[in-house]
Protein backbone atom coordinates (compact mmCIF):
# COMPACT_ATOMS: atom_id res chain seq x y z
CA MET A 1 -9.62 5.46 -5.39
CA LYS A 2 -9.31 2.08 -7.03
CA ARG A 3 -10.73 1.62 -10.70
CA HIS A 4 -14.45 -0.11 -10.25
CA ILE A 5 -14.66 -3.06 -13.30
CA LEU A 6 -18.08 -1.35 -13.67
CA TYR A 7 -16.98 2.33 -13.78
CA SER A 8 -19.11 5.31 -14.14
CA LEU A 9 -19.71 4.77 -18.46
CA LEU A 10 -22.94 6.53 -18.03
CA ALA A 11 -21.10 9.88 -17.00
CA THR A 12 -19.09 9.68 -19.81
CA THR A 13 -21.56 8.59 -22.42
CA LEU A 14 -24.18 10.35 -21.76
CA LEU A 15 -25.02 14.35 -23.56
CA PHE A 16 -27.92 16.50 -23.01
CA GLY A 17 -29.18 18.18 -25.97
CA ALA A 18 -29.66 17.82 -29.64
CA CYS A 19 -27.01 17.05 -32.66
CA SER A 20 -26.12 19.29 -35.57
CA LYS A 21 -24.80 19.76 -38.87
CA ASP A 22 -22.90 22.74 -37.92
CA PHE A 23 -18.96 22.25 -37.52
CA LEU A 24 -19.49 24.15 -34.14
CA ASP A 25 -22.38 21.62 -32.55
CA ARG A 26 -20.93 18.82 -33.51
CA THR A 27 -21.15 16.01 -30.86
CA PRO A 28 -17.65 14.33 -29.40
CA VAL A 29 -16.60 11.40 -30.96
CA ASN A 30 -16.59 9.55 -27.07
CA LYS A 31 -19.43 10.77 -26.04
CA ILE A 32 -23.27 10.04 -26.98
CA PRO A 33 -26.26 12.67 -27.40
CA GLU A 34 -29.07 11.34 -25.07
CA GLU A 35 -31.75 10.81 -28.04
CA GLU A 36 -29.22 8.66 -29.50
CA PHE A 37 -28.91 6.56 -26.26
CA TRP A 38 -31.34 4.01 -24.69
CA ARG A 39 -32.11 2.42 -27.42
CA THR A 40 -30.38 -1.36 -27.00
CA GLU A 41 -29.99 -3.49 -24.45
CA ASN A 42 -26.27 -2.80 -24.42
CA ASP A 43 -27.03 0.79 -24.09
CA VAL A 44 -28.92 -0.15 -20.82
CA LYS A 45 -26.55 -2.68 -19.58
CA LEU A 46 -24.05 0.34 -19.89
CA ALA A 47 -25.95 2.52 -17.76
CA VAL A 48 -26.67 -0.18 -15.21
CA ASN A 49 -23.08 -1.02 -15.01
CA ALA A 50 -22.32 2.53 -14.53
CA ILE A 51 -24.86 2.69 -11.32
CA TYR A 52 -23.32 -0.23 -9.90
CA GLY A 53 -20.40 2.08 -9.22
CA LYS A 54 -22.28 4.13 -6.68
CA LEU A 55 -21.93 1.33 -4.01
CA SER A 56 -19.69 2.21 -1.51
CA ASP A 57 -18.88 0.58 1.57
CA GLY A 58 -19.35 1.97 5.25
CA MET A 59 -15.55 1.61 6.59
CA TYR A 60 -15.23 5.29 7.18
CA ASP A 61 -18.15 5.19 9.29
CA ASP A 62 -16.71 2.97 12.21
CA GLY A 63 -13.91 5.85 12.51
CA ALA A 64 -16.80 7.52 14.05
CA THR A 65 -17.20 5.02 16.59
CA ASP A 66 -15.33 3.78 19.54
CA LEU A 67 -13.60 0.84 17.83
CA VAL A 68 -11.23 2.85 14.98
CA HIS A 69 -9.23 5.84 15.01
CA ALA A 70 -9.54 8.36 11.91
CA GLN A 71 -6.39 10.57 12.10
CA TYR A 72 -7.07 12.83 8.78
CA PRO A 73 -9.88 14.96 9.32
CA TRP A 74 -9.46 16.18 5.52
CA GLU A 75 -10.15 12.46 4.52
CA SER A 76 -13.91 12.23 6.34
CA ALA A 77 -16.10 13.52 8.64
CA SER A 78 -15.47 11.03 11.31
CA THR A 79 -12.50 12.82 12.82
CA ALA A 80 -15.12 15.17 13.74
CA ILE A 81 -17.72 13.42 14.58
CA SER A 82 -15.68 11.13 16.88
CA ALA A 83 -14.09 14.23 18.36
CA GLY A 84 -18.22 15.52 18.90
CA SER A 85 -16.90 18.96 16.81
CA LEU A 86 -19.25 18.30 14.38
CA GLY A 87 -21.04 21.22 12.97
CA ALA A 88 -23.12 22.06 10.07
CA ASP A 89 -19.79 23.17 7.60
CA ILE A 90 -19.35 19.13 7.29
CA ASP A 91 -20.75 17.22 5.34
CA ALA A 92 -21.26 14.28 6.95
CA GLY A 93 -22.38 12.05 3.83
CA TRP A 94 -25.50 14.21 2.68
CA SER A 95 -25.75 13.59 -1.31
CA TYR A 96 -28.61 13.26 -3.53
CA ILE A 97 -26.61 13.02 -6.78
CA PRO A 98 -26.19 9.05 -6.91
CA ILE A 99 -29.74 9.07 -6.17
CA ARG A 100 -30.88 11.40 -9.06
CA THR A 101 -28.81 8.91 -11.38
CA CYS A 102 -30.92 5.93 -10.62
CA ASN A 103 -33.75 7.88 -10.60
CA TYR A 104 -33.10 8.83 -14.28
CA PHE A 105 -32.37 5.34 -15.41
CA LEU A 106 -35.62 4.11 -14.15
CA GLU A 107 -37.20 7.24 -15.75
CA ASN A 108 -35.45 6.61 -19.22
CA VAL A 109 -34.93 2.71 -19.22
CA ASP A 110 -38.75 1.60 -20.83
CA LYS A 111 -37.22 3.67 -24.21
CA ALA A 112 -35.31 0.63 -24.69
CA ILE A 113 -36.26 -2.19 -27.22
CA MET A 114 -35.09 -5.37 -25.11
CA ASP A 115 -35.92 -7.98 -23.44
CA GLU A 116 -38.68 -7.16 -20.75
CA THR A 117 -37.56 -9.64 -17.96
CA LEU A 118 -34.26 -8.65 -18.57
CA LYS A 119 -35.41 -5.07 -18.38
CA GLU A 120 -37.35 -5.71 -15.00
CA ARG A 121 -34.31 -7.68 -13.38
CA TYR A 122 -32.29 -4.37 -14.79
CA LYS A 123 -34.78 -1.86 -13.17
CA ALA A 124 -34.71 -4.00 -9.77
CA GLU A 125 -30.89 -4.12 -9.28
CA VAL A 126 -31.10 -0.11 -9.76
CA ARG A 127 -33.36 0.25 -7.15
CA PHE A 128 -31.81 -1.74 -5.15
CA ILE A 129 -28.99 0.38 -5.38
CA ARG A 130 -31.23 3.27 -4.58
CA ALA A 131 -32.52 1.79 -1.71
CA TYR A 132 -28.93 0.94 -0.57
CA LEU A 133 -27.51 5.03 -1.09
CA TYR A 134 -30.92 6.07 0.64
CA ILE A 135 -30.31 3.97 4.17
CA PRO A 136 -27.11 5.59 5.72
CA MET A 137 -28.44 8.60 4.68
CA VAL A 138 -32.10 8.09 6.43
CA GLU A 139 -30.15 6.50 9.67
CA LYS A 140 -27.93 9.74 10.22
CA PHE A 141 -30.33 12.42 9.28
CA GLY A 142 -33.85 11.20 10.25
CA ASP A 143 -36.53 13.25 8.15
CA ILE A 144 -34.57 13.71 4.65
CA PRO A 145 -35.86 14.61 1.14
CA LEU A 146 -37.79 11.19 -0.40
CA VAL A 147 -36.68 12.15 -3.99
CA THR A 148 -37.77 9.01 -6.47
CA LYS A 149 -37.97 11.23 -9.47
CA VAL A 150 -35.65 13.60 -11.66
CA LEU A 151 -36.66 17.31 -10.34
CA THR A 152 -36.92 20.00 -13.07
CA LYS A 153 -35.45 23.45 -11.42
CA GLU A 154 -38.68 24.54 -10.34
CA GLU A 155 -39.59 21.32 -8.43
CA SER A 156 -35.52 21.45 -6.93
CA ASN A 157 -36.36 22.50 -3.44
CA VAL A 158 -37.46 19.41 -1.61
CA PRO A 159 -38.24 19.44 1.86
CA ARG A 160 -37.35 16.80 4.40
CA VAL A 161 -40.27 13.86 5.13
CA ALA A 162 -40.52 12.08 8.40
CA LYS A 163 -38.14 9.40 8.95
CA LYS A 164 -41.12 6.88 9.11
CA GLU A 165 -42.31 7.71 5.37
CA VAL A 166 -38.91 7.02 3.96
CA LEU A 167 -38.34 4.07 5.63
CA ASP A 168 -41.70 2.64 4.50
CA PHE A 169 -40.84 3.18 0.75
CA LEU A 170 -37.38 1.27 1.58
CA PHE A 171 -38.79 -1.48 3.20
CA LYS A 172 -41.33 -1.88 -0.09
CA GLU A 173 -38.96 -1.24 -2.60
CA LEU A 174 -36.46 -4.31 -1.08
CA GLN A 175 -39.61 -6.66 -0.59
CA GLU A 176 -40.63 -5.82 -4.36
CA VAL A 177 -37.22 -6.01 -6.14
CA SER A 178 -36.71 -9.27 -3.98
CA THR A 179 -39.08 -11.08 -5.76
CA LYS A 180 -37.75 -9.84 -9.22
CA LEU A 181 -34.05 -10.68 -9.02
CA PRO A 182 -32.49 -14.24 -9.19
CA VAL A 183 -30.98 -15.98 -6.38
CA SER A 184 -28.10 -16.13 -8.36
CA TYR A 185 -27.05 -15.61 -11.70
CA SER A 186 -24.54 -18.43 -14.18
CA SER A 187 -22.33 -15.84 -14.93
CA GLU A 188 -21.78 -11.96 -14.32
CA LYS A 189 -20.48 -12.95 -10.62
CA GLY A 190 -21.14 -9.52 -8.58
CA ARG A 191 -24.48 -8.68 -9.64
CA ILE A 192 -27.24 -7.95 -7.17
CA THR A 193 -29.67 -11.02 -6.07
CA LYS A 194 -32.08 -11.59 -3.85
CA GLY A 195 -30.12 -12.69 -1.27
CA ALA A 196 -28.36 -8.86 -1.03
CA ALA A 197 -32.14 -7.72 -1.41
CA LEU A 198 -33.19 -9.50 1.29
CA ALA A 199 -30.13 -8.82 3.42
CA LEU A 200 -30.38 -5.48 3.05
CA GLN A 201 -33.68 -6.03 4.48
CA SER A 202 -32.46 -7.30 7.47
CA ARG A 203 -30.14 -4.66 8.65
CA LEU A 204 -32.71 -1.95 7.93
CA TYR A 205 -34.66 -3.94 10.53
CA LEU A 206 -32.52 -4.34 12.86
CA MET A 207 -31.41 -0.67 12.69
CA GLU A 208 -34.67 0.21 13.39
CA ASN A 209 -35.31 -2.57 16.28
CA ASN A 210 -37.72 -4.35 14.26
CA TRP A 211 -36.97 -7.58 15.75
CA GLU A 212 -39.48 -9.88 14.30
CA GLN A 213 -38.85 -8.99 10.78
CA ALA A 214 -35.23 -8.45 11.28
CA ALA A 215 -35.37 -12.39 12.42
CA ARG A 216 -37.84 -12.87 9.62
CA THR A 217 -35.56 -11.63 6.55
CA ALA A 218 -32.39 -13.36 7.78
CA GLN A 219 -33.95 -16.81 7.78
CA GLU A 220 -35.29 -16.33 4.71
CA VAL A 221 -31.43 -15.57 3.79
CA MET A 222 -30.60 -18.51 5.49
CA GLY A 223 -31.93 -20.42 3.50
CA LEU A 224 -30.61 -19.43 0.33
CA GLY A 225 -27.16 -21.29 0.82
CA TYR A 226 -24.98 -19.05 1.54
CA LYS A 227 -21.96 -20.32 4.19
CA LEU A 228 -19.07 -18.88 5.55
CA PHE A 229 -15.33 -19.27 4.33
CA GLN A 230 -13.22 -21.96 5.57
CA VAL A 231 -9.48 -22.90 4.33
CA SER A 232 -8.57 -26.47 4.88
CA ALA A 233 -4.46 -25.63 4.74
CA GLU A 234 -2.12 -22.37 4.94
CA SER A 235 0.44 -21.22 2.36
CA GLU A 236 3.71 -21.70 2.88
CA LEU A 237 4.44 -18.17 3.70
CA ASN A 238 1.60 -18.26 6.10
CA LYS A 239 2.77 -21.54 7.95
CA LYS A 240 6.10 -19.15 8.63
CA ASP A 241 4.17 -17.16 11.32
CA ASN A 242 5.17 -17.84 14.36
CA TYR A 243 1.95 -18.16 16.69
CA ALA A 244 3.27 -20.37 20.00
CA GLN A 245 4.70 -17.07 20.96
CA PHE A 246 1.55 -15.88 21.53
CA VAL A 247 -0.95 -19.14 21.93
CA ASP A 248 -0.16 -21.26 24.49
CA PHE A 249 -1.49 -24.86 22.52
CA GLU A 250 -2.14 -27.82 23.71
CA ASN A 251 -0.83 -29.82 20.68
CA ALA A 252 -0.29 -30.01 16.95
CA ASP A 253 -4.15 -30.45 16.43
CA ASP A 254 -4.93 -27.30 18.45
CA GLU A 255 -2.52 -25.39 16.63
CA HIS A 256 -3.95 -26.20 13.31
CA LYS A 257 -7.57 -25.33 14.60
CA PHE A 258 -6.35 -21.83 15.39
CA ARG A 259 -4.70 -21.30 12.36
CA LEU A 260 -7.08 -22.45 10.28
CA GLY A 261 -9.47 -20.61 11.74
CA LEU A 262 -7.29 -16.96 11.51
CA ARG A 263 -6.69 -17.72 7.66
CA SER A 264 -10.73 -18.37 7.30
CA TYR A 265 -11.46 -15.18 8.43
CA GLU A 266 -8.51 -13.03 6.75
CA GLY A 267 -8.85 -14.66 3.90
CA ILE A 268 -12.24 -14.08 3.44
CA PHE A 269 -11.03 -10.47 2.39
CA GLN A 270 -8.00 -11.72 0.28
CA VAL A 271 -8.25 -11.35 -3.44
CA GLU A 272 -7.37 -15.34 -3.96
CA ASN A 273 -10.44 -15.86 -2.34
CA GLU A 274 -13.11 -13.11 -4.01
CA GLY A 275 -16.53 -14.03 -4.56
CA ASN A 276 -16.73 -17.25 -2.21
CA ASP A 277 -19.95 -18.42 -1.06
CA GLU A 278 -20.28 -16.15 2.33
CA VAL A 279 -20.35 -13.19 0.18
CA ILE A 280 -23.72 -11.69 -1.16
CA LEU A 281 -22.50 -8.63 -2.46
CA ASP A 282 -19.50 -6.95 -3.50
CA ARG A 283 -18.01 -4.47 -5.39
CA GLN A 284 -15.75 -5.82 -7.86
CA TYR A 285 -12.57 -4.38 -8.67
CA ILE A 286 -9.34 -5.33 -11.34
CA ARG A 287 -5.63 -5.56 -11.03
CA VAL A 288 -4.84 -2.34 -11.87
CA ALA A 289 -2.06 0.39 -10.21
CA GLN A 290 -3.93 3.41 -8.67
CA PRO A 291 -2.80 5.74 -5.68
CA GLN A 292 -5.48 5.06 -3.11
CA SER A 293 -6.66 1.60 -1.41
CA ASN A 294 -7.34 -0.50 1.16
CA ASN A 295 -3.95 -1.71 1.60
CA THR A 296 -2.94 2.48 1.57
CA LEU A 297 -5.66 3.45 3.98
CA LEU A 298 -4.57 0.81 6.06
CA ALA A 299 -1.17 -0.15 6.32
CA GLU A 300 1.23 1.50 7.96
CA GLY A 301 3.90 3.76 6.80
CA SER A 302 7.02 1.51 6.25
CA VAL A 303 4.79 -0.49 3.48
CA GLY A 304 3.62 2.48 1.62
CA GLY A 305 -0.40 2.59 4.03
CA TRP A 306 -1.37 5.99 5.24
CA SER A 307 -2.51 4.37 8.86
CA SER A 308 -5.80 6.49 7.66
CA LEU A 309 -8.07 4.19 9.85
CA THR A 310 -6.62 2.51 13.16
CA PRO A 311 -7.68 -0.11 15.97
CA THR A 312 -8.73 1.64 19.31
CA GLN A 313 -7.74 0.34 22.48
CA ASN A 314 -11.23 -0.49 23.02
CA LEU A 315 -11.43 -2.71 20.21
CA VAL A 316 -8.01 -4.76 21.47
CA ASN A 317 -9.76 -5.41 24.28
CA LEU A 318 -13.03 -7.05 23.00
CA TYR A 319 -11.17 -10.04 21.58
CA ILE A 320 -11.60 -12.73 24.17
CA ASN A 321 -9.55 -15.60 25.47
CA TYR A 322 -8.64 -18.31 22.67
CA LYS A 323 -9.42 -21.52 25.56
CA THR A 324 -11.70 -20.10 27.40
CA GLY A 325 -14.46 -18.23 24.90
CA GLU A 326 -14.55 -16.16 28.19
CA PRO A 327 -13.57 -11.92 28.32
CA VAL A 328 -9.84 -11.22 28.83
CA ASN A 329 -9.12 -8.36 31.70
CA PRO A 330 -6.88 -5.79 30.55
CA VAL A 331 -3.79 -4.33 31.86
CA SER A 332 -4.09 -1.17 33.16
CA ALA A 333 -2.86 1.58 30.85
CA GLU A 334 -0.17 2.36 33.49
CA VAL A 335 0.81 -0.66 33.18
CA ARG A 336 0.38 -1.28 29.34
CA ALA A 337 2.46 2.05 29.09
CA ALA A 338 5.39 0.90 31.75
CA HIS A 339 5.60 -2.42 29.50
CA TYR A 340 5.44 -1.07 26.17
CA ALA A 341 8.53 1.63 27.50
CA LYS A 342 11.09 -1.43 28.17
CA ALA A 343 13.48 -2.48 25.24
CA ASP A 344 12.26 -5.94 25.51
CA LYS A 345 8.92 -6.37 24.80
CA SER A 346 8.31 -9.71 26.34
CA ASP A 347 5.69 -8.61 29.04
CA PHE A 348 3.84 -5.65 26.62
CA VAL A 349 2.55 -9.04 24.26
CA LYS A 350 1.73 -11.00 27.29
CA GLU A 351 -1.74 -8.57 27.54
CA PHE A 352 -2.23 -10.29 23.75
CA LYS A 353 -1.25 -13.79 24.88
CA ASN A 354 -4.28 -16.57 24.04
CA ARG A 355 -7.15 -14.53 21.82
CA ASP A 356 -9.79 -14.82 19.78
CA PRO A 357 -7.78 -16.02 16.37
CA ARG A 358 -9.84 -13.13 14.78
CA PHE A 359 -7.62 -10.69 16.82
CA TYR A 360 -4.46 -12.01 15.18
CA ALA A 361 -6.14 -11.64 11.59
CA SER A 362 -7.43 -7.92 12.44
CA ILE A 363 -4.55 -6.30 14.56
CA LEU A 364 -1.01 -5.34 14.18
CA PHE A 365 0.40 -4.84 17.50
CA GLU A 366 4.13 -4.56 18.75
CA THR A 367 5.86 -8.10 17.04
CA ALA A 368 3.32 -9.56 15.42
CA PRO A 369 4.57 -11.68 12.39
CA TRP A 370 3.08 -11.28 8.93
CA ASN A 371 5.57 -13.04 6.22
CA ALA A 372 3.01 -13.13 3.33
CA LEU A 373 3.10 -9.26 3.49
CA THR A 374 6.37 -8.00 2.09
CA LYS A 375 8.23 -9.54 -1.47
CA ASP A 376 11.13 -10.69 1.07
CA GLY A 377 9.09 -12.08 4.05
CA GLY A 378 10.27 -11.64 7.63
CA TYR A 379 7.34 -8.51 8.40
CA GLN A 380 7.36 -7.89 11.72
CA PHE A 381 5.20 -4.96 13.20
CA THR A 382 7.24 -2.67 14.26
CA TRP A 383 5.40 0.86 16.00
CA SER A 384 7.05 4.21 15.05
CA SER A 385 5.29 6.45 17.14
CA GLY A 386 5.02 10.23 15.59
CA LYS A 387 6.51 9.45 12.48
CA SER A 388 5.00 10.30 8.91
CA ASN A 389 1.84 7.78 8.20
CA MET A 390 2.18 6.09 11.24
CA SER A 391 -0.94 4.62 13.75
CA ILE A 392 -1.16 7.63 16.76
CA THR A 393 -2.78 4.42 18.28
CA GLY A 394 0.11 2.19 18.69
CA TYR A 395 -1.82 -0.56 16.44
CA ASN A 396 -2.78 -0.79 12.88
CA PHE A 397 -5.01 -2.70 11.25
CA ARG A 398 -4.57 -6.04 9.55
CA LYS A 399 -8.02 -6.85 8.42
CA LEU A 400 -8.27 -6.08 4.70
CA VAL A 401 -4.98 -5.36 4.05
CA ASP A 402 -4.50 -7.56 1.04
CA PRO A 403 -0.66 -9.65 0.93
CA THR A 404 -0.92 -10.68 -2.63
CA SER A 405 -1.15 -6.73 -4.16
CA SER A 406 1.20 -5.40 -1.47
CA ARG A 407 4.21 -8.32 -2.28
CA GLU A 408 3.17 -7.37 -6.21
CA GLN A 409 4.05 -3.49 -5.00
CA ILE A 410 1.05 -2.35 -6.62
CA ASP A 411 -2.87 -1.23 -5.24
CA SER A 412 -5.02 -3.52 -3.64
CA TYR A 413 -7.83 -5.08 -6.50
CA ALA A 414 -9.58 -7.48 -3.87
CA ASN A 415 -13.39 -7.03 -4.31
CA VAL A 416 -14.67 -4.92 -0.96
CA ILE A 417 -17.22 -6.76 0.63
CA LEU A 418 -20.62 -4.69 0.79
CA ILE A 419 -22.57 -7.59 2.63
CA ARG A 420 -21.91 -11.04 3.73
CA TYR A 421 -23.43 -14.15 5.54
CA ALA A 422 -21.78 -13.53 8.83
CA GLU A 423 -23.63 -10.14 9.48
CA VAL A 424 -26.63 -12.04 8.32
CA LEU A 425 -25.91 -15.20 10.91
CA LEU A 426 -25.65 -11.65 13.81
CA ASN A 427 -28.46 -9.99 12.63
CA TYR A 428 -30.93 -13.09 13.27
CA ALA A 429 -28.91 -14.13 16.78
CA GLU A 430 -29.87 -10.55 17.66
CA ALA A 431 -33.38 -9.96 16.59
CA GLN A 432 -33.90 -13.74 17.80
CA ASN A 433 -32.76 -13.05 21.53
CA GLU A 434 -34.80 -9.32 21.72
CA LYS A 435 -37.52 -10.83 20.45
CA SER A 436 -37.93 -14.06 22.37
CA GLY A 437 -34.59 -14.56 24.10
CA PRO A 438 -32.16 -17.82 23.98
CA ASP A 439 -32.67 -20.72 22.55
CA GLY A 440 -30.89 -23.33 20.52
CA THR A 441 -31.59 -21.39 17.04
CA ILE A 442 -29.11 -18.02 18.07
CA PHE A 443 -26.50 -20.28 19.62
CA ASP A 444 -26.47 -22.68 16.17
CA ALA A 445 -25.61 -19.44 14.46
CA LEU A 446 -23.11 -18.40 17.46
CA ASP A 447 -21.59 -21.31 16.71
CA GLN A 448 -20.81 -20.97 12.99
CA LEU A 449 -19.19 -18.03 13.43
CA ARG A 450 -16.63 -19.69 16.32
CA VAL A 451 -16.20 -22.43 14.81
CA ARG A 452 -14.98 -20.93 11.53
CA ALA A 453 -12.76 -18.61 13.79
CA GLY A 454 -11.07 -21.90 15.53
CA MET A 455 -13.02 -20.68 18.76
CA PRO A 456 -15.12 -22.89 21.58
CA LYS A 457 -18.56 -22.60 20.73
CA VAL A 458 -20.62 -20.61 22.91
CA ASP A 459 -21.52 -22.01 26.75
CA ARG A 460 -25.29 -22.37 26.83
CA SER A 461 -25.53 -22.30 30.47
CA THR A 462 -23.61 -19.64 30.99
CA TYR A 463 -24.97 -17.45 28.30
CA GLY A 464 -28.39 -18.69 29.05
CA SER A 465 -30.37 -15.34 29.62
CA GLN A 466 -31.25 -12.86 27.31
CA SER A 467 -28.96 -9.74 28.90
CA LYS A 468 -25.63 -11.88 28.91
CA LEU A 469 -26.32 -13.34 25.50
CA ARG A 470 -27.37 -9.79 24.18
CA ASP A 471 -24.16 -8.65 25.37
CA LEU A 472 -22.21 -11.75 23.84
CA ILE A 473 -23.67 -11.02 20.38
CA ARG A 474 -23.06 -7.21 20.99
CA ASN A 475 -19.29 -8.17 21.76
CA GLU A 476 -19.39 -10.81 18.72
CA ARG A 477 -20.88 -7.88 16.38
CA ALA A 478 -17.61 -5.81 17.10
CA VAL A 479 -14.66 -8.21 16.62
CA GLU A 480 -16.77 -9.79 13.47
CA LEU A 481 -17.91 -7.07 11.82
CA VAL A 482 -14.99 -4.07 12.55
CA LEU A 483 -14.09 -1.90 9.73
CA GLU A 484 -17.52 -2.89 7.97
CA GLY A 485 -19.70 0.07 8.53
CA VAL A 486 -22.28 -1.67 11.20
CA ARG A 487 -20.88 -0.20 14.90
CA TYR A 488 -21.86 3.30 13.53
CA TYR A 489 -25.02 2.24 13.82
CA ASP A 490 -25.03 -0.03 16.56
CA ILE A 491 -24.00 2.11 19.14
CA ARG A 492 -26.40 4.85 18.29
CA ARG A 493 -29.50 2.43 18.03
CA TRP A 494 -28.18 0.38 21.69
CA LYS A 495 -27.96 3.87 22.63
CA THR A 496 -24.66 3.28 24.00
CA ALA A 497 -22.65 5.62 22.23
CA PRO A 498 -22.53 8.12 25.32
CA ASN A 499 -20.41 5.07 27.59
CA VAL A 500 -17.96 3.93 24.58
CA MET A 501 -17.38 7.61 22.87
CA LYS A 502 -14.64 8.43 25.66
CA ASN A 503 -10.85 9.86 25.31
CA ILE A 504 -8.83 7.19 23.11
CA TYR A 505 -4.93 6.86 24.22
CA ASP A 506 -1.89 4.80 22.65
CA VAL A 507 -0.21 2.24 24.11
CA LYS A 508 2.16 4.61 26.06
CA ASN A 509 -0.71 6.06 27.52
CA GLY A 510 -0.65 9.53 25.68
CA LEU A 511 -3.86 11.03 24.49
CA ALA A 512 -4.51 10.10 21.00
CA GLN A 513 -7.32 12.02 20.65
CA GLU A 514 -9.55 13.99 22.94
CA ARG A 515 -13.88 12.97 22.22
CA ILE A 516 -17.03 14.15 23.59
CA TRP A 517 -20.07 12.95 23.18
CA ASN A 518 -23.47 15.39 22.78
CA ASP A 519 -26.67 13.22 22.15
CA ARG A 520 -27.00 15.88 19.05
CA LEU A 521 -24.87 13.13 17.55
CA TYR A 522 -27.49 10.82 17.51
CA LEU A 523 -28.08 12.84 14.22
CA MET A 524 -25.99 14.20 11.49
CA PRO A 525 -26.29 18.31 10.77
CA VAL A 526 -28.13 19.03 7.20
CA PRO A 527 -25.07 20.86 5.65
CA GLN A 528 -25.59 24.63 6.01
CA SER A 529 -24.47 24.53 2.33
CA GLN A 530 -27.46 22.64 1.08
CA ILE A 531 -29.85 24.87 3.63
CA ASP A 532 -28.51 27.87 1.95
CA LEU A 533 -29.03 26.01 -1.73
CA SER A 534 -33.09 25.94 -0.67
CA TYR A 535 -33.63 29.28 0.39
CA GLY A 536 -34.47 27.48 3.93
CA VAL A 537 -37.01 24.81 2.71
CA LEU A 538 -34.35 22.64 4.19
CA THR A 539 -34.54 22.57 8.33
CA GLN A 540 -31.48 22.18 10.80
CA ASN A 541 -31.14 19.12 12.97
CA THR A 542 -31.61 20.07 16.71
CA GLY A 543 -28.24 21.33 18.08
CA TYR A 544 -26.20 22.52 15.18
């Protein structure tokens, strides 16, 4: 993967064991023995920076949902999860090594002689990261071992504890660290803030359907000064994209609003706009050529990508009408296939006319333009069915693919956003609606997202009931947050997974992936290898 700015220095700087003057026992010059570390403020900073490298995104989790197809089973467990064929021989995310690293830091940091206030802040950052790592594990596996210290060999076989015990610990941790972290930093942008701790709390409360606390913590974040990213102009390359062929613009002002909505949404994730005011937490990257990135994983083969994760027709169908703000009625799979079979694709692309600008910013469909993607411009998406590194569904993602890196023909070095303000607004909208039904604050939160995207505001009379507003909020979460790792948890907590995890088909109506839902998939299997290593102390989830 791309090289992280805060790459794991700790792994290469700490050695266990003592120094000796014997020639054969001399310490390697590129490593530091443990007893010589943990002395200075710089030692602690290096250790914390290394632990930042443990933060990961949930992009592949979306491959285990109805919105995204993960076509390569060797890249993640998502292919097996989405197919319903997951067994205990596949690791779906059970990992205690990064958690051990956090525990090791917290047990040793007090050895250092340094400013106590800064030390407490560093501890809070690492405690946040440990909580961040625990959340996907407890949500995927349910009851898990809760390990908050470095274990000795004799202590290594730790049984699972009730999910509630783990959640209580995490809520308490995040609340405590939120009081120890600053709202912002004058330098060192990218470090964990109070807003990140509260936003992660809100996410976890929402996962657990605790509407009161989810809304309250989201509101706290909403008062910290974050705002949605927006652009005020297009680049010369972007101006060359012709969207008049897809959208019936009323006039020049209408087209201008649409285009700025599209550019604002896609621009959130691009290197030229990294660190914008919408970002609450991201992984920091530098410009360096490496063999794999979002560009590689999401782009199609003709521009050097692998099409590892691609949009499904289910996702495409969720993008609503740009003019009315209402859902679209997609054509049948048979009609779509007949249209696609024609050499002239004009009938095929009619299905994609007048969609939410986020659709064009996120999805590449046949004939879709993207002049900024290639050095020479003029790029237009063409699906080459059956060819190497091409999508199986007939669509590719545009979202998260960075055109600057593509033109430079190097790996993407755009920071990867882990938490952003748009999610907080959606957390608040859902929690508040579930708690007490529609009110003006919910519509105001949703309208911020709609206006940024160049869409009409939500019709408050049409969506004046709790159930209708619920459906709208769920749709907004899907199109706004796709590839950002929330859909996996959403369809499980909503209990909608059995309804949406159906077979997926390509644009020619060919079977892209057979999917079978079983309720055991609400929880992932504990890896059998871990059960074996524990000599049976760990137990298996039902159905595996």
